[in-house]
Protein backbone atom coordinates (compact mmCIF):
# COMPACT_ATOMS: atom_id res chain seq x y z
CA MET A 1 7.47 -13.14 18.54
CA PRO A 2 8.59 -10.39 20.88
CA VAL A 3 8.78 -6.85 19.93
CA ASN A 4 11.42 -4.66 22.48
CA LEU A 5 10.63 -1.13 22.65
CA HIS A 6 13.44 0.57 24.81
CA PHE A 7 12.64 3.51 26.38
CA GLY A 8 15.63 6.84 27.30
CA ALA A 9 14.79 9.25 29.41
CA ASP A 10 13.31 11.32 26.99
CA ASP A 11 10.75 8.62 25.80
CA LEU A 12 9.20 8.45 29.42
CA LEU A 13 8.00 12.46 28.84
CA ARG A 14 6.65 11.19 25.50
CA ILE A 15 3.86 8.68 26.38
CA ARG A 16 0.48 9.52 25.88
CA PHE A 17 -2.75 7.89 24.90
CA ALA A 18 -5.18 8.59 21.82
CA VAL A 19 -8.85 7.39 20.44
CA SER A 20 -8.41 6.22 17.46
CA ALA A 21 -12.32 6.03 14.98
CA LEU A 22 -10.06 5.33 12.04
CA CYS A 23 -7.90 2.24 14.04
CA GLU A 24 -11.27 1.19 15.24
CA THR A 25 -12.56 1.30 11.50
CA HIS A 26 -9.89 -1.01 10.43
CA GLU A 27 -9.82 -3.24 12.96
CA ALA A 28 -13.68 -4.04 12.72
CA VAL A 29 -12.91 -4.65 9.11
CA ARG A 30 -10.23 -7.39 10.23
CA THR A 31 -13.17 -8.60 13.07
CA LEU A 32 -14.89 -9.50 9.77
CA ARG A 33 -12.75 -11.93 8.39
CA ARG A 34 -10.78 -12.94 11.50
CA ALA A 35 -13.28 -16.57 13.30
CA ASP A 36 -10.96 -15.92 16.87
CA ARG A 37 -12.07 -12.51 17.25
CA HIS A 38 -15.97 -13.05 16.85
CA GLY A 39 -16.03 -13.91 20.46
CA TYR A 40 -17.65 -10.62 22.61
CA HIS A 41 -18.53 -9.96 19.12
CA THR A 42 -20.98 -12.43 17.93
CA PRO A 43 -23.45 -10.13 18.56
CA TRP A 44 -22.57 -7.01 16.48
CA LEU A 45 -21.67 -9.25 13.66
CA ARG A 46 -25.01 -10.87 13.61
CA ARG A 47 -25.96 -7.12 13.34
CA MET A 48 -23.88 -6.31 10.36
CA ARG A 49 -24.61 -9.38 8.24
CA GLU A 50 -27.49 -7.75 6.38
CA THR A 51 -25.63 -4.17 6.61
CA LEU A 52 -22.82 -5.10 5.12
CA ALA A 53 -24.52 -6.44 1.59
CA GLY A 54 -23.00 -4.76 -1.29
CA LEU A 55 -19.82 -3.29 0.66
CA ASP A 56 -16.73 -4.67 -0.87
CA LEU A 57 -13.77 -4.21 1.48
CA THR A 58 -11.82 -6.48 -0.60
CA PRO A 59 -9.22 -3.39 -1.81
CA LEU A 60 -8.83 -3.23 2.31
CA TRP A 61 -8.13 -6.95 3.15
CA LEU A 62 -5.60 -6.97 0.38
CA PHE A 63 -3.54 -5.24 2.49
CA MET A 64 -4.49 -6.76 5.89
CA PRO A 65 -2.39 -10.14 5.91
CA SER A 66 -3.55 -12.26 9.23
CA SER A 67 0.47 -12.28 10.19
CA GLY A 68 1.75 -9.86 8.16
CA TYR A 69 2.42 -6.10 7.75
CA THR A 70 -0.54 -3.32 7.30
CA PRO A 71 0.57 -0.57 5.56
CA ASP A 72 0.97 2.16 8.21
CA PHE A 73 -0.18 4.99 6.71
CA LEU A 74 -3.66 3.50 6.22
CA GLY A 75 -3.80 4.20 10.15
CA ARG A 76 -0.71 6.47 10.94
CA PRO A 77 -0.93 7.21 14.89
CA PRO A 78 -3.24 10.36 15.68
CA ASP A 79 -2.07 13.48 16.26
CA THR A 80 -4.66 14.64 18.79
CA PRO A 81 -5.98 12.53 22.01
CA LEU A 82 -9.73 12.58 20.55
CA ALA A 83 -8.70 12.59 16.62
CA GLY A 84 -12.15 13.12 14.57
CA PHE A 85 -12.61 10.72 12.06
CA ASP A 86 -12.76 13.12 9.14
CA ASP A 87 -9.29 14.61 10.41
CA GLU A 88 -8.15 11.22 9.87
CA LEU A 89 -9.73 10.86 7.19
CA ALA A 90 -7.94 13.74 5.45
CA ARG A 91 -4.51 12.33 6.88
CA LEU A 92 -4.61 9.06 5.09
CA ARG A 93 -6.16 10.93 1.37
CA ALA A 94 -2.62 13.19 2.07
CA THR A 95 -0.02 10.11 1.74
CA ASP A 96 2.70 10.76 -0.32
CA PRO A 97 2.53 8.11 -3.23
CA ALA A 98 6.27 7.23 -3.08
CA LEU A 99 5.55 6.50 0.82
CA ALA A 100 2.59 4.22 -0.10
CA ARG A 101 3.72 2.37 -2.57
CA ALA A 102 6.90 1.37 -0.22
CA GLU A 103 4.51 0.53 2.39
CA MET A 104 1.93 -1.70 0.10
CA ALA A 105 4.78 -3.44 -1.68
CA LYS A 106 5.94 -4.32 1.82
CA SER A 107 2.86 -5.64 2.55
CA LEU A 108 1.94 -7.70 -0.21
CA THR A 109 5.07 -9.65 0.44
CA GLY A 110 3.20 -10.89 3.58
CA THR A 111 0.17 -13.14 0.95
CA PRO A 112 1.57 -15.46 -1.47
CA GLY A 113 0.70 -13.81 -5.34
CA ALA A 114 -0.75 -11.30 -3.91
CA ALA A 115 2.02 -8.60 -5.43
CA ARG A 116 1.15 -10.45 -8.86
CA SER A 117 -2.19 -10.09 -8.70
CA GLY A 118 -4.33 -7.64 -10.69
CA ARG A 119 -4.97 -5.42 -8.12
CA GLY A 120 -1.46 -5.89 -6.04
CA ARG A 121 0.05 -4.51 -9.44
CA ALA A 122 -2.47 -1.80 -10.17
CA ALA A 123 -1.57 -0.70 -6.39
CA LEU A 124 1.65 -0.25 -6.91
CA ALA A 125 1.52 0.97 -10.92
CA ASP A 126 -0.58 3.83 -9.73
CA PRO A 127 0.05 4.53 -5.68
CA ALA A 128 -2.05 7.70 -5.44
CA ARG A 129 -5.00 6.15 -6.93
CA ALA A 130 -4.93 3.11 -4.64
CA VAL A 131 -4.71 5.96 -1.57
CA ARG A 132 -7.59 7.25 -3.03
CA GLU A 133 -9.43 4.25 -3.40
CA LEU A 134 -8.50 2.39 -0.03
CA ALA A 135 -9.56 6.10 1.69
CA GLU A 136 -13.42 5.48 0.16
CA VAL A 137 -13.61 1.97 1.30
CA THR A 138 -12.37 2.97 4.35
CA GLU A 139 -15.15 6.11 4.56
CA ARG A 140 -17.62 3.60 3.50
CA ALA A 141 -16.70 1.01 6.34
CA TRP A 142 -16.79 3.71 8.72
CA ARG A 143 -20.34 4.67 8.34
CA VAL A 144 -21.69 1.02 8.12
CA LEU A 145 -19.98 -1.00 10.66
CA ILE A 146 -18.82 2.29 13.44
CA SER A 147 -20.24 4.89 13.13
CA PRO A 148 -23.92 4.15 14.31
CA ASP A 149 -22.27 3.08 17.55
CA TRP A 150 -19.17 5.29 17.59
CA PRO A 151 -20.64 6.96 20.66
CA ARG A 152 -20.80 3.62 22.64
CA LEU A 153 -17.83 2.75 21.55
CA ARG A 154 -15.99 6.03 22.24
CA ALA A 155 -17.09 6.75 25.90
CA LEU A 156 -15.53 3.06 26.50
CA LEU A 157 -12.54 3.86 25.14
CA GLU A 158 -12.02 7.34 26.88
CA ALA A 159 -13.32 5.22 30.35
CA GLU A 160 -10.02 2.94 29.30
CA ILE A 161 -7.67 6.09 28.96
CA ALA A 162 -9.25 7.37 32.20
CA TYR A 163 -8.03 4.92 34.15
CA ARG A 164 -5.19 3.74 32.99
CA SER A 165 -3.96 7.42 33.62
CA ARG A 166 -4.62 6.93 36.63
CA GLN A 167 -2.62 3.74 37.54
CA LEU A 168 0.61 5.92 35.53
CA ALA A 169 -0.57 8.52 38.46
CA ASP A 170 -1.11 6.13 41.16
CA GLY A 171 2.22 3.38 40.42
CA GLY A 172 3.60 4.65 37.49
CA LEU A 173 5.01 2.59 34.71
CA GLN A 174 4.98 -0.67 36.07
CA ARG A 175 1.80 -0.17 37.27
CA LEU A 176 0.22 0.85 33.98
CA PHE A 177 1.59 -2.05 32.11
CA ALA A 178 0.89 -4.42 34.84
CA ASP A 179 -2.62 -5.60 33.55
CA LEU A 180 -2.66 -4.02 29.94
CA HIS A 181 -2.56 -7.42 28.06
CA PRO A 182 -1.44 -10.68 28.96
CA ARG A 183 1.22 -10.38 26.14
CA VAL A 184 2.77 -7.05 27.27
CA SER A 185 5.18 -6.99 29.75
CA TRP A 186 7.46 -3.69 31.43
CA SER A 187 11.05 -4.62 32.65
CA GLY A 188 13.98 -2.18 33.10
CA ASP A 189 13.49 0.41 30.83
CA THR A 190 11.98 -2.23 27.95
CA LEU A 191 8.44 -2.41 27.33
CA THR A 192 7.97 -6.45 25.82
CA VAL A 193 5.15 -7.01 23.32
CA ARG A 194 4.28 -10.09 21.82
CA THR A 195 2.84 -10.11 18.85
CA ARG A 196 1.29 -12.22 16.04
CA THR A 197 4.33 -11.33 13.78
CA ASP A 198 7.05 -14.14 12.81
CA VAL A 199 10.37 -11.73 13.70
CA ALA A 200 11.84 -10.82 16.97
CA ARG A 201 12.84 -7.24 17.19
CA MET A 202 14.79 -4.71 19.51
CA GLN A 203 13.27 -0.89 18.63
CA ASP A 204 15.05 2.23 20.37
CA LEU A 205 12.26 4.72 20.62
CA ASP A 206 14.92 7.41 20.15
CA GLY A 207 12.70 10.25 21.68
CA ARG A 208 9.68 9.43 20.19
CA GLY A 209 8.12 7.73 22.63
CA VAL A 210 4.99 5.16 22.59
CA LEU A 211 1.30 5.90 21.65
CA LEU A 212 -0.97 3.90 24.10
CA LEU A 213 -4.11 3.08 21.54
CA PRO A 214 -6.96 1.86 23.12
CA SER A 215 -9.31 -0.26 20.97
CA VAL A 216 -12.38 -2.47 21.10
CA PHE A 217 -11.77 -4.34 17.75
CA VAL A 218 -8.03 -5.44 18.17
CA TRP A 219 -9.31 -7.85 20.36
CA PRO A 220 -7.81 -10.58 21.43
CA ASP A 221 -4.26 -9.16 20.25
CA VAL A 222 -1.85 -6.15 21.20
CA VAL A 223 -0.90 -4.88 18.11
CA SER A 224 2.78 -3.28 17.88
CA GLY A 225 3.93 -1.28 14.74
CA PHE A 226 5.01 2.18 12.93
CA GLU A 227 8.29 2.79 12.40
CA PRO A 228 10.08 6.13 11.81
CA PRO A 229 8.59 8.88 10.39
CA TRP A 230 5.63 7.53 12.90
CA GLN A 231 5.53 7.12 16.58
CA PRO A 232 5.92 3.79 18.11
CA THR A 233 1.90 2.70 19.15
CA VAL A 234 0.67 -0.31 21.08
CA ILE A 235 -2.82 -1.17 20.04
CA TYR A 236 -4.70 -2.83 23.22
CA PRO A 237 -7.70 -4.19 23.75
CA ALA A 238 -9.53 -1.70 25.78
CA ARG A 239 -11.84 -2.90 29.54
CA GLY A 240 -15.15 -3.77 29.63
CA ILE A 241 -15.44 -5.06 25.97
CA GLY A 242 -17.49 -7.99 27.72
CA GLY A 243 -20.63 -6.00 28.58
CA LEU A 244 -20.46 -3.81 25.11
CA TRP A 245 -23.15 -5.64 22.88
CA THR A 246 -25.26 -6.79 25.46
CA GLU A 247 -28.26 -5.06 26.45
CA PRO A 248 -27.57 -4.22 30.56
CA GLU A 249 -30.22 -6.45 32.67
CA THR A 250 -32.50 -4.59 35.52
CA GLY A 251 -33.79 -7.08 37.92
CA PRO A 252 -37.35 -6.58 39.13
CA ALA A 253 -36.71 -5.63 42.45
CA LEU A 254 -34.14 -2.79 41.63
CA ALA A 255 -36.89 -1.30 39.05
CA ARG A 256 -39.46 -1.53 41.52
CA LEU A 257 -36.65 0.61 44.03
CA LEU A 258 -35.55 3.48 41.73
CA GLY A 259 -38.08 2.85 38.53
CA ALA A 260 -37.53 1.23 35.35
CA ASN A 261 -35.25 3.57 33.35
CA ARG A 262 -33.71 4.73 36.19
CA ALA A 263 -32.30 1.22 37.25
CA ALA A 264 -31.60 0.68 33.97
CA VAL A 265 -28.83 3.51 33.52
CA LEU A 266 -27.38 2.49 36.85
CA ALA A 267 -27.31 -1.19 35.48
CA ALA A 268 -25.57 0.07 32.35
CA LEU A 269 -22.61 1.59 34.17
CA ASP A 270 -20.71 -1.65 34.17
CA THR A 271 -17.70 0.39 32.97
CA PRO A 272 -17.46 4.80 33.11
CA SER A 273 -19.86 5.97 30.38
CA THR A 274 -21.23 9.81 29.41
CA THR A 275 -24.93 10.98 29.31
CA THR A 276 -24.27 11.08 25.34
CA ALA A 277 -23.43 7.06 25.26
CA LEU A 278 -25.53 6.39 27.73
CA ALA A 279 -28.64 7.51 26.13
CA HIS A 280 -27.58 5.90 22.89
CA ARG A 281 -27.32 2.47 24.30
CA LEU A 282 -30.65 2.92 26.42
CA GLY A 283 -32.76 4.49 23.73
CA LEU A 284 -33.56 7.45 26.13
CA ALA A 285 -33.28 11.21 25.61
CA PRO A 286 -30.14 12.50 26.60
CA SER A 287 -32.18 14.96 28.91
CA SER A 288 -33.53 12.11 30.44
CA VAL A 289 -30.32 10.37 31.32
CA SER A 290 -28.94 13.47 32.69
CA VAL A 291 -31.89 14.17 35.64
CA HIS A 292 -31.36 10.22 36.00
CA LEU A 293 -27.40 10.57 36.71
CA SER A 294 -27.82 13.35 38.74
CA VAL A 295 -30.79 11.84 41.35
CA LEU A 296 -28.15 8.44 41.34
CA ARG A 297 -25.13 10.66 42.45
CA ASP A 298 -26.95 12.74 44.91
CA ALA A 299 -27.69 9.74 46.50
CA GLY A 300 -24.93 8.56 46.73
CA LEU A 301 -25.08 5.69 43.81
CA LEU A 302 -22.66 7.48 41.23
CA ALA A 303 -19.41 9.20 41.04
CA SER A 304 -18.28 11.81 38.34
CA ARG A 305 -15.52 13.12 37.17
CA ARG A 306 -14.33 15.12 34.58
CA HIS A 307 -12.26 14.06 31.00
CA GLY A 308 -11.34 16.41 28.67
CA HIS A 309 -14.47 18.25 27.30
CA GLN A 310 -16.90 15.51 28.81
CA VAL A 311 -17.93 13.98 32.32
CA LEU A 312 -18.00 10.33 33.12
CA TYR A 313 -20.27 8.60 35.20
CA GLU A 314 -19.13 5.36 37.27
CA ARG A 315 -20.82 3.23 39.98
CA THR A 316 -20.17 3.79 43.55
CA PRO A 317 -19.16 0.71 45.86
CA LEU A 318 -22.81 1.29 46.91
CA GLY A 319 -23.99 1.72 43.63
CA ILE A 320 -21.70 -1.30 42.50
CA THR A 321 -23.71 -3.13 45.72
CA LEU A 322 -27.11 -2.30 44.79
CA ALA A 323 -26.86 -2.81 40.94
CA ALA A 324 -25.83 -6.75 41.60
CA GLY A 325 -28.74 -6.67 43.78
CA GLY A 326 -27.01 -6.83 47.36
């Protein structure tokens, strides 16, 4: 059912983007249980099977109903564009127990019998302890599911933000929301997000604006949530997920022309990326990747641009043609 977010004049000034490691952690936890999310992430899931032994995610899954409400405090909107996981986890740990209890009680109503289960009753009886347990499970999930791949994931998410920022600059909100997600549309002063929820609702933003949070693991869904005191947020799939877990393929002709490693760098740039992310993906030293990027850029095959504190590299039209085999 649709969620209609009504924008006032002040809300138009408060549209922002962010990357959230905490959000990715919780969406990855959801992906483990949702067959319709496996598609692009199947290679990642295969790799996770052995790693998941001994990782008990039951406390988190209790508050992640398939089509119901997940407590907002679990993944509250980040304050800064590139919040670190430790900072986000500290905010989760600092959740007021009264607020946590109210949100957990609301979430448990989405699963028949959950509020009467042993875990459900214990969480509501001692919400401070429940917050600590959920934070500890979240931290373990981060270390196992996300942290090893975070440079690659973060680079893709930052590239997505850079792309959307250019769309906003070029064509305003109409351009920004035109292809954000098939279930997102903009008309007049209202952003409509069609989610899995069962209830249609209209939400006046009241000057709070909207946070746009690109995600890898939310695919294929789009999520709109967070009521006061949190900033309304739309979590949507980032571009480039299709090639995220596949290793770049380098044709023999391209390798003979450029050299194996330089060809691999060019092939890996199917989405804009940083030196660190490319080095992590290709298993090369960052210093070597930096040299290859400079040579490819000087040859007109790549362009670079600064995004925040990082430099993103992307293929030029000539580089795209060459990587595709002419």
